Amino acid sequence: MNLDTIVVNDVTVGQLLPWVVAVVVVYATFRIYKTLFGKKKVNLQHTVYFTCGSCGWEGHISKFGTRCPKCDAPAGDLRSGS
């Protein structure tokens, strides 16, 4: 295929090629950005809301976790949902 081949009306492959490359570069950049900085969905099936009595940290932790993620204090019995 020659770069002077007409694709549509007076548009040639040579004129269209830079636009196709630009679109691919923008798409690839978006995918990389989304992979690096996109917020991941968290499965809350095996988590409970927890407030640490020692440092006041609040958030979801695993039902099976035994320590506060901030101060490493014991979390107590989390299976009851407290």
N, C-alpha and C. Protein backbone atom coordinates (compact mmCIF):
# COMPACT_ATOMS: atom_id res chain seq x y z
N MET A 1 0.86 -1.17 0.00
CA MET A 1 0.00 0.00 0.00
C MET A 1 0.90 1.24 0.00
N ASN A 2 0.55 2.16 -0.81
CA ASN A 2 1.30 3.39 -0.99
C ASN A 2 0.72 4.48 -0.10
N LEU A 3 1.54 5.42 0.38
CA LEU A 3 1.03 6.51 1.21
C LEU A 3 0.16 7.47 0.43
N ASP A 4 0.19 7.39 -0.90
CA ASP A 4 -0.64 8.26 -1.74
C ASP A 4 -1.98 7.61 -2.07
N THR A 5 -2.25 6.43 -1.53
CA THR A 5 -3.51 5.75 -1.78
C THR A 5 -4.65 6.54 -1.15
N ILE A 6 -5.68 6.80 -1.92
CA ILE A 6 -6.83 7.57 -1.43
C ILE A 6 -7.75 6.65 -0.64
N VAL A 7 -8.10 7.10 0.58
CA VAL A 7 -8.97 6.30 1.45
C VAL A 7 -10.41 6.76 1.28
N VAL A 8 -10.68 8.03 1.56
CA VAL A 8 -12.02 8.60 1.43
C VAL A 8 -11.87 9.98 0.81
N ASN A 9 -12.68 10.28 -0.18
CA ASN A 9 -12.64 11.57 -0.89
C ASN A 9 -11.21 11.90 -1.29
N ASP A 10 -10.61 12.96 -0.76
CA ASP A 10 -9.24 13.34 -1.11
C ASP A 10 -8.25 13.02 0.01
N VAL A 11 -8.66 12.26 1.02
CA VAL A 11 -7.79 11.94 2.15
C VAL A 11 -6.95 10.72 1.79
N THR A 12 -5.64 10.87 1.95
CA THR A 12 -4.74 9.78 1.61
C THR A 12 -4.28 9.07 2.88
N VAL A 13 -3.66 7.93 2.70
CA VAL A 13 -3.13 7.17 3.82
C VAL A 13 -2.06 7.99 4.54
N GLY A 14 -1.26 8.72 3.81
CA GLY A 14 -0.22 9.55 4.39
C GLY A 14 -0.78 10.66 5.27
N GLN A 15 -1.94 11.20 4.94
CA GLN A 15 -2.58 12.23 5.76
C GLN A 15 -3.28 11.62 6.98
N LEU A 16 -3.75 10.42 6.84
CA LEU A 16 -4.51 9.77 7.90
C LEU A 16 -3.60 9.12 8.95
N LEU A 17 -2.43 8.68 8.54
CA LEU A 17 -1.52 7.96 9.42
C LEU A 17 -1.11 8.72 10.68
N PRO A 18 -0.75 10.01 10.62
CA PRO A 18 -0.40 10.72 11.87
C PRO A 18 -1.56 10.80 12.86
N TRP A 19 -2.78 10.90 12.37
CA TRP A 19 -3.95 10.96 13.26
C TRP A 19 -4.17 9.62 13.94
N VAL A 20 -3.98 8.54 13.21
CA VAL A 20 -4.14 7.21 13.79
C VAL A 20 -3.08 6.98 14.86
N VAL A 21 -1.84 7.38 14.59
CA VAL A 21 -0.77 7.23 15.57
C VAL A 21 -1.06 8.08 16.81
N ALA A 22 -1.57 9.30 16.62
CA ALA A 22 -1.90 10.17 17.75
C ALA A 22 -2.99 9.56 18.62
N VAL A 23 -3.99 8.99 18.01
CA VAL A 23 -5.08 8.36 18.76
C VAL A 23 -4.56 7.17 19.56
N VAL A 24 -3.70 6.37 18.97
CA VAL A 24 -3.13 5.21 19.67
C VAL A 24 -2.28 5.67 20.85
N VAL A 25 -1.49 6.73 20.68
CA VAL A 25 -0.65 7.23 21.76
C VAL A 25 -1.51 7.78 22.90
N VAL A 26 -2.56 8.53 22.57
CA VAL A 26 -3.45 9.07 23.61
C VAL A 26 -4.14 7.92 24.35
N TYR A 27 -4.61 6.92 23.64
CA TYR A 27 -5.27 5.77 24.26
C TYR A 27 -4.31 5.02 25.19
N ALA A 28 -3.10 4.79 24.72
CA ALA A 28 -2.11 4.08 25.54
C ALA A 28 -1.76 4.89 26.79
N THR A 29 -1.62 6.20 26.64
CA THR A 29 -1.33 7.06 27.79
C THR A 29 -2.47 7.01 28.80
N PHE A 30 -3.70 7.05 28.32
CA PHE A 30 -4.86 6.97 29.21
C PHE A 30 -4.90 5.64 29.96
N ARG A 31 -4.62 4.54 29.27
CA ARG A 31 -4.64 3.22 29.92
C ARG A 31 -3.55 3.10 30.98
N ILE A 32 -2.36 3.63 30.69
CA ILE A 32 -1.28 3.59 31.67
C ILE A 32 -1.63 4.44 32.88
N TYR A 33 -2.18 5.63 32.66
CA TYR A 33 -2.58 6.51 33.76
C TYR A 33 -3.66 5.83 34.61
N LYS A 34 -4.64 5.22 33.95
CA LYS A 34 -5.72 4.55 34.68
C LYS A 34 -5.19 3.37 35.49
N THR A 35 -4.24 2.63 34.94
CA THR A 35 -3.66 1.50 35.66
C THR A 35 -2.88 1.95 36.89
N LEU A 36 -2.13 3.04 36.75
CA LEU A 36 -1.30 3.49 37.85
C LEU A 36 -2.07 4.25 38.92
N PHE A 37 -3.03 5.08 38.52
CA PHE A 37 -3.68 5.98 39.45
C PHE A 37 -5.17 5.73 39.63
N GLY A 38 -5.74 4.78 38.93
CA GLY A 38 -7.17 4.51 39.04
C GLY A 38 -7.51 3.90 40.38
N LYS A 39 -8.67 4.25 40.90
CA LYS A 39 -9.10 3.72 42.19
C LYS A 39 -9.59 2.29 41.99
N LYS A 40 -9.09 1.42 42.80
CA LYS A 40 -9.46 0.01 42.72
C LYS A 40 -10.74 -0.23 43.51
N LYS A 41 -11.60 -1.08 42.99
CA LYS A 41 -12.81 -1.44 43.72
C LYS A 41 -12.43 -2.40 44.85
N VAL A 42 -12.96 -2.14 46.02
CA VAL A 42 -12.65 -2.97 47.18
C VAL A 42 -13.85 -3.87 47.45
N ASN A 43 -13.60 -5.15 47.56
CA ASN A 43 -14.64 -6.10 47.89
C ASN A 43 -14.86 -6.05 49.40
N LEU A 44 -16.01 -5.56 49.84
CA LEU A 44 -16.29 -5.37 51.26
C LEU A 44 -16.95 -6.60 51.89
N GLN A 45 -16.95 -7.71 51.19
CA GLN A 45 -17.61 -8.92 51.69
C GLN A 45 -16.95 -9.43 52.98
N HIS A 46 -15.65 -9.35 53.07
CA HIS A 46 -14.95 -9.89 54.23
C HIS A 46 -14.33 -8.78 55.07
N THR A 47 -14.96 -7.62 55.10
CA THR A 47 -14.43 -6.51 55.90
C THR A 47 -15.48 -6.01 56.88
N VAL A 48 -15.03 -5.33 57.91
CA VAL A 48 -15.91 -4.69 58.88
C VAL A 48 -15.40 -3.27 59.11
N TYR A 49 -16.32 -2.37 59.47
CA TYR A 49 -15.92 -1.02 59.80
C TYR A 49 -15.34 -1.03 61.20
N PHE A 50 -14.21 -0.39 61.38
CA PHE A 50 -13.48 -0.48 62.63
C PHE A 50 -13.03 0.91 63.06
N THR A 51 -13.19 1.20 64.35
CA THR A 51 -12.65 2.41 64.96
C THR A 51 -11.68 1.99 66.05
N CYS A 52 -10.45 2.43 65.95
CA CYS A 52 -9.42 2.04 66.91
C CYS A 52 -9.61 2.83 68.20
N GLY A 53 -9.58 2.13 69.30
CA GLY A 53 -9.71 2.78 70.60
C GLY A 53 -8.43 3.48 71.03
N SER A 54 -7.30 3.12 70.46
CA SER A 54 -6.02 3.71 70.84
C SER A 54 -5.72 5.00 70.09
N CYS A 55 -5.84 4.97 68.75
CA CYS A 55 -5.44 6.14 67.97
C CYS A 55 -6.60 6.85 67.29
N GLY A 56 -7.79 6.23 67.26
CA GLY A 56 -8.96 6.86 66.65
C GLY A 56 -9.08 6.62 65.15
N TRP A 57 -8.22 5.79 64.57
CA TRP A 57 -8.30 5.49 63.14
C TRP A 57 -9.63 4.84 62.83
N GLU A 58 -10.25 5.23 61.71
CA GLU A 58 -11.52 4.65 61.29
C GLU A 58 -11.39 4.15 59.86
N GLY A 59 -11.97 3.01 59.59
CA GLY A 59 -11.97 2.47 58.24
C GLY A 59 -12.33 1.01 58.22
N HIS A 60 -12.31 0.44 57.03
CA HIS A 60 -12.62 -0.97 56.87
C HIS A 60 -11.35 -1.80 57.00
N ILE A 61 -11.44 -2.87 57.76
CA ILE A 61 -10.35 -3.82 57.86
C ILE A 61 -10.94 -5.22 57.70
N SER A 62 -10.09 -6.17 57.44
CA SER A 62 -10.51 -7.55 57.26
C SER A 62 -11.15 -8.08 58.55
N LYS A 63 -12.16 -8.92 58.37
CA LYS A 63 -12.76 -9.59 59.52
C LYS A 63 -11.72 -10.42 60.26
N PHE A 64 -10.74 -10.87 59.53
CA PHE A 64 -9.75 -11.77 60.08
C PHE A 64 -8.53 -11.02 60.59
N GLY A 65 -8.49 -9.71 60.40
CA GLY A 65 -7.36 -8.90 60.88
C GLY A 65 -7.43 -8.77 62.40
N THR A 66 -6.30 -8.62 63.02
CA THR A 66 -6.28 -8.57 64.48
C THR A 66 -5.65 -7.29 64.99
N ARG A 67 -5.17 -6.38 64.09
CA ARG A 67 -4.47 -5.20 64.55
C ARG A 67 -4.91 -3.97 63.75
N CYS A 68 -4.78 -2.81 64.38
CA CYS A 68 -5.06 -1.53 63.73
C CYS A 68 -3.97 -1.27 62.68
N PRO A 69 -4.34 -0.86 61.46
CA PRO A 69 -3.31 -0.63 60.45
C PRO A 69 -2.46 0.61 60.72
N LYS A 70 -2.91 1.52 61.58
CA LYS A 70 -2.14 2.74 61.84
C LYS A 70 -1.19 2.57 63.03
N CYS A 71 -1.72 2.11 64.17
CA CYS A 71 -0.89 2.07 65.38
C CYS A 71 -0.53 0.65 65.82
N ASP A 72 -1.04 -0.35 65.13
CA ASP A 72 -0.73 -1.76 65.40
C ASP A 72 -1.28 -2.24 66.75
N ALA A 73 -2.30 -1.56 67.25
CA ALA A 73 -2.94 -2.00 68.50
C ALA A 73 -3.87 -3.18 68.20
N PRO A 74 -4.08 -4.07 69.15
CA PRO A 74 -4.99 -5.20 68.93
C PRO A 74 -6.40 -4.71 68.61
N ALA A 75 -7.03 -5.34 67.62
CA ALA A 75 -8.37 -4.93 67.18
C ALA A 75 -9.46 -5.64 67.95
N GLY A 76 -9.18 -6.70 68.62
CA GLY A 76 -10.20 -7.42 69.36
C GLY A 76 -10.93 -8.41 68.47
N ASP A 77 -12.13 -8.83 68.89
CA ASP A 77 -12.92 -9.79 68.14
C ASP A 77 -13.75 -9.05 67.10
N LEU A 78 -13.40 -9.21 65.82
CA LEU A 78 -14.10 -8.50 64.73
C LEU A 78 -15.18 -9.33 64.08
N ARG A 79 -15.24 -10.61 64.36
CA ARG A 79 -16.21 -11.47 63.69
C ARG A 79 -17.64 -11.12 64.07
N SER A 80 -17.84 -10.51 65.20
CA SER A 80 -19.20 -10.15 65.62
C SER A 80 -19.68 -8.87 64.94
N GLY A 81 -18.77 -8.14 64.22
CA GLY A 81 -19.15 -6.95 63.50
C GLY A 81 -19.04 -5.69 64.34
N SER A 82 -18.42 -5.77 65.51
CA SER A 82 -18.29 -4.59 66.37
C SER A 82 -17.00 -3.85 66.08
